[in-house]
Amino acid sequence: MLTEVLGVASAILASVGSAGAIVWGLSSYLGKVWAGRLMAKEQAAHERDLAELRNRLEGQTKQALAAMETDLSIFKDKHLRGFHDKVSTYRIVIDLVSEVLGDFDLWEETKQPLPAARKDAANRARIKAYGYLALLAPQPVMDAFDQLFDHLLLIAHGKKPYVWAEVRTLGLGLLNEARKDLAIDSSAIEYRGSL
């Protein structure tokens, strides 16, 4: 009887063992197929989400670039217009200074008083130039303009002698401040002649 029991037990174990091996093999195979399908489905969803995100980011980037280009264009136009206005104003001031200094040189050479109409025109031009400068120039340029014309007014009213070297130094001071403001060159222009 023991041999029969062992025989039946061996038969049961053998049958369960081979069925277990078959079930194990099938479940392993089906698990791989199922995992592959799930992975493919997840990967497709991931790629779809990634494509949507990429498209959204590209759209936002294009909008941001367009806005930046507009802002840059506005800034560039405003900056260039302001620079052009400053250059034009500084040219007006240089023309005025040249005219006034020419009058002073003539006055110094001839010792004849300048006509009242010429003095009036120069004074009106000085006041106009001051207004133009006040709109655009920084304080150091305004200070240099004031120093030059205060000095010239004192000369014109006989309170100071006309000394070309002093006037030239004040004129160069005004030019150097304008050059700094225009960012042409921060180094100072100096007179290196012999007069």
Protein backbone atom coordinates (compact mmCIF):
# COMPACT_ATOMS: atom_id res chain seq x y z
CA MET A 1 0.00 0.00 0.00
CA LEU A 2 2.80 2.39 0.63
CA THR A 3 4.06 1.80 -2.85
CA GLU A 4 0.66 2.59 -4.24
CA VAL A 5 0.43 5.81 -2.28
CA LEU A 6 3.91 6.82 -3.38
CA GLY A 7 3.03 5.94 -6.98
CA VAL A 8 -0.15 8.05 -6.87
CA ALA A 9 1.68 10.88 -5.15
CA SER A 10 4.45 10.71 -7.74
CA ALA A 11 1.86 10.71 -10.54
CA ILE A 12 0.08 13.72 -9.02
CA LEU A 13 3.34 15.57 -8.54
CA ALA A 14 4.50 14.71 -12.04
CA SER A 15 1.22 15.82 -13.56
CA VAL A 16 1.10 19.05 -11.52
CA GLY A 17 4.78 19.63 -12.21
CA SER A 18 4.43 19.34 -15.98
CA ALA A 19 1.20 21.36 -15.91
CA GLY A 20 2.95 23.89 -13.64
CA ALA A 21 5.83 24.08 -16.07
CA ILE A 22 3.38 24.60 -18.93
CA VAL A 23 1.41 27.22 -16.94
CA TRP A 24 4.67 28.86 -15.89
CA GLY A 25 5.94 28.97 -19.48
CA LEU A 26 2.62 30.29 -20.83
CA SER A 27 2.29 32.87 -18.09
CA SER A 28 5.85 34.04 -18.70
CA TYR A 29 5.21 34.32 -22.43
CA LEU A 30 1.83 36.02 -21.97
CA GLY A 31 3.35 38.35 -19.37
CA LYS A 32 6.01 39.43 -21.86
CA VAL A 33 3.41 39.99 -24.58
CA TRP A 34 1.17 41.91 -22.18
CA ALA A 35 4.10 43.99 -20.85
CA GLY A 36 5.20 44.74 -24.43
CA ARG A 37 1.72 45.92 -25.36
CA LEU A 38 1.45 48.06 -22.22
CA MET A 39 4.92 49.50 -22.89
CA ALA A 40 4.00 50.30 -26.51
CA LYS A 41 0.76 51.96 -25.37
CA GLU A 42 2.62 54.03 -22.71
CA GLN A 43 5.34 54.94 -25.16
CA ALA A 44 2.78 56.11 -27.74
CA ALA A 45 1.02 58.21 -25.09
CA HIS A 46 4.36 59.62 -23.94
CA GLU A 47 5.36 60.53 -27.53
CA ARG A 48 1.96 62.16 -28.12
CA ASP A 49 2.28 64.22 -24.91
CA LEU A 50 5.85 65.13 -25.81
CA ALA A 51 4.80 66.27 -29.31
CA GLU A 52 1.99 68.41 -27.83
CA LEU A 53 4.42 69.95 -25.32
CA ARG A 54 6.98 70.61 -28.06
CA ASN A 55 4.35 72.29 -30.26
CA ARG A 56 3.10 74.42 -27.37
CA LEU A 57 6.64 75.46 -26.42
CA GLU A 58 7.51 76.27 -30.04
CA GLY A 59 4.39 78.44 -30.27
CA GLN A 60 5.22 80.23 -27.03
CA THR A 61 8.82 80.70 -28.15
CA LYS A 62 7.72 82.18 -31.48
CA GLN A 63 5.36 84.57 -29.67
CA ALA A 64 8.08 85.57 -27.21
CA LEU A 65 10.58 86.13 -30.03
CA ALA A 66 8.07 88.22 -31.97
CA ALA A 67 7.40 90.33 -28.88
CA MET A 68 11.15 90.72 -28.25
CA GLU A 69 11.75 91.73 -31.88
CA THR A 70 9.02 94.36 -31.59
CA ASP A 71 10.45 95.67 -28.32
CA LEU A 72 13.96 95.70 -29.76
CA SER A 73 12.80 97.56 -32.85
CA ILE A 74 11.01 100.16 -30.72
CA PHE A 75 14.06 100.51 -28.44
CA LYS A 76 16.41 100.78 -31.41
CA ASP A 77 14.26 103.43 -33.12
CA LYS A 78 13.89 105.41 -29.91
CA HIS A 79 17.61 105.16 -29.09
CA LEU A 80 18.72 106.10 -32.61
CA ARG A 81 16.25 108.98 -32.74
CA GLY A 82 17.51 110.23 -29.35
CA PHE A 83 21.13 109.87 -30.48
CA HIS A 84 20.38 111.75 -33.71
CA ASP A 85 18.61 114.50 -31.74
CA LYS A 86 21.61 114.85 -29.43
CA VAL A 87 24.06 115.04 -32.33
CA SER A 88 21.88 117.67 -34.02
CA THR A 89 21.64 119.70 -30.81
CA TYR A 90 25.38 119.49 -30.19
CA ARG A 91 25.98 120.67 -33.76
CA ILE A 92 23.76 123.69 -33.12
CA VAL A 93 25.77 124.45 -29.98
CA ILE A 94 29.08 124.04 -31.83
CA ASP A 95 27.85 126.38 -34.58
CA LEU A 96 26.82 128.93 -31.95
CA VAL A 97 30.14 128.69 -30.09
CA SER A 98 32.02 129.05 -33.39
CA GLU A 99 30.05 132.17 -34.33
CA VAL A 100 30.47 133.76 -30.91
CA LEU A 101 34.18 132.98 -30.73
CA GLY A 102 34.60 134.39 -34.24
CA ASP A 103 32.91 137.59 -33.02
CA PHE A 104 35.22 137.75 -30.00
CA ASP A 105 38.28 137.25 -32.20
CA LEU A 106 37.09 140.05 -34.50
CA TRP A 107 36.40 142.29 -31.53
CA GLU A 108 39.84 141.55 -30.07
CA GLU A 109 41.60 142.29 -33.38
CA THR A 110 39.76 145.46 -34.34
CA LYS A 111 39.02 146.78 -30.84
CA GLN A 112 35.75 147.95 -32.38
CA PRO A 113 32.52 147.11 -30.55
CA LEU A 114 30.32 144.55 -32.20
CA PRO A 115 27.07 145.83 -33.66
CA ALA A 116 24.13 145.61 -31.24
CA ALA A 117 22.21 143.45 -33.72
CA ARG A 118 25.04 140.90 -33.75
CA LYS A 119 25.21 140.82 -29.94
CA ASP A 120 21.43 140.39 -29.79
CA ALA A 121 21.46 137.55 -32.35
CA ALA A 122 24.25 135.76 -30.47
CA ASN A 123 22.41 136.15 -27.17
CA ARG A 124 19.16 134.81 -28.63
CA ALA A 125 21.03 131.85 -30.16
CA ARG A 126 22.69 131.18 -26.77
CA ILE A 127 19.31 131.07 -25.02
CA LYS A 128 17.86 128.79 -27.71
CA ALA A 129 20.85 126.46 -27.54
CA TYR A 130 20.51 126.33 -23.76
CA GLY A 131 16.89 125.21 -24.12
CA TYR A 132 17.79 122.56 -26.69
CA LEU A 133 20.55 121.26 -24.44
CA ALA A 134 18.28 121.23 -21.39
CA LEU A 135 15.95 118.82 -23.21
CA LEU A 136 18.61 116.25 -24.06
CA ALA A 137 21.96 116.82 -22.41
CA PRO A 138 23.08 115.52 -19.03
CA GLN A 139 24.14 117.90 -16.27
CA PRO A 140 27.90 117.75 -17.00
CA VAL A 141 27.25 119.08 -20.53
CA MET A 142 25.00 121.80 -19.13
CA ASP A 143 27.69 122.73 -16.59
CA ALA A 144 30.35 122.99 -19.31
CA PHE A 145 28.04 125.15 -21.46
CA ASP A 146 27.33 127.42 -18.47
CA GLN A 147 31.03 127.77 -17.62
CA LEU A 148 31.92 128.73 -21.19
CA PHE A 149 29.12 131.25 -21.69
CA ASP A 150 29.37 132.73 -18.20
CA HIS A 151 33.04 133.37 -18.97
CA LEU A 152 32.19 134.89 -22.38
CA LEU A 153 29.48 137.10 -20.87
CA LEU A 154 31.95 138.41 -18.28
CA ILE A 155 34.36 139.23 -21.12
CA ALA A 156 31.60 140.89 -23.16
CA HIS A 157 30.67 143.11 -20.20
CA GLY A 158 34.30 144.10 -19.57
CA LYS A 159 34.63 142.19 -16.30
CA LYS A 160 37.31 139.81 -17.58
CA PRO A 161 39.99 140.11 -20.25
CA TYR A 162 39.69 138.02 -23.40
CA VAL A 163 42.35 135.30 -23.12
CA TRP A 164 42.13 132.79 -25.96
CA ALA A 165 43.77 129.95 -23.99
CA GLU A 166 41.11 130.21 -21.25
CA VAL A 167 38.24 130.32 -23.74
CA ARG A 168 39.73 127.41 -25.70
CA THR A 169 40.01 125.30 -22.52
CA LEU A 170 36.36 125.98 -21.65
CA GLY A 171 35.29 125.20 -25.24
CA LEU A 172 37.19 121.92 -25.21
CA GLY A 173 35.56 121.11 -21.86
CA LEU A 174 32.15 121.47 -23.49
CA LEU A 175 33.17 119.31 -26.46
CA ASN A 176 34.61 116.63 -24.19
CA GLU A 177 31.43 116.42 -22.12
CA ALA A 178 29.36 116.11 -25.32
CA ARG A 179 31.70 113.33 -26.56
CA LYS A 180 31.23 111.45 -23.27
CA ASP A 181 27.48 111.80 -23.51
CA LEU A 182 27.44 110.49 -27.07
CA ALA A 183 29.79 107.66 -26.00
CA ILE A 184 32.14 108.58 -28.82
CA ASP A 185 35.19 108.45 -26.62
CA SER A 186 35.65 109.07 -22.92
CA SER A 187 39.23 110.31 -23.29
CA ALA A 188 39.56 114.08 -23.32
CA ILE A 189 40.53 116.08 -26.38
CA GLU A 190 43.42 118.41 -25.56
CA TYR A 191 44.91 121.35 -27.40
CA ARG A 192 48.46 120.40 -28.34
CA GLY A 193 49.25 123.30 -30.63
CA SER A 194 51.58 126.19 -29.92
CA LEU A 195 49.21 129.17 -29.56
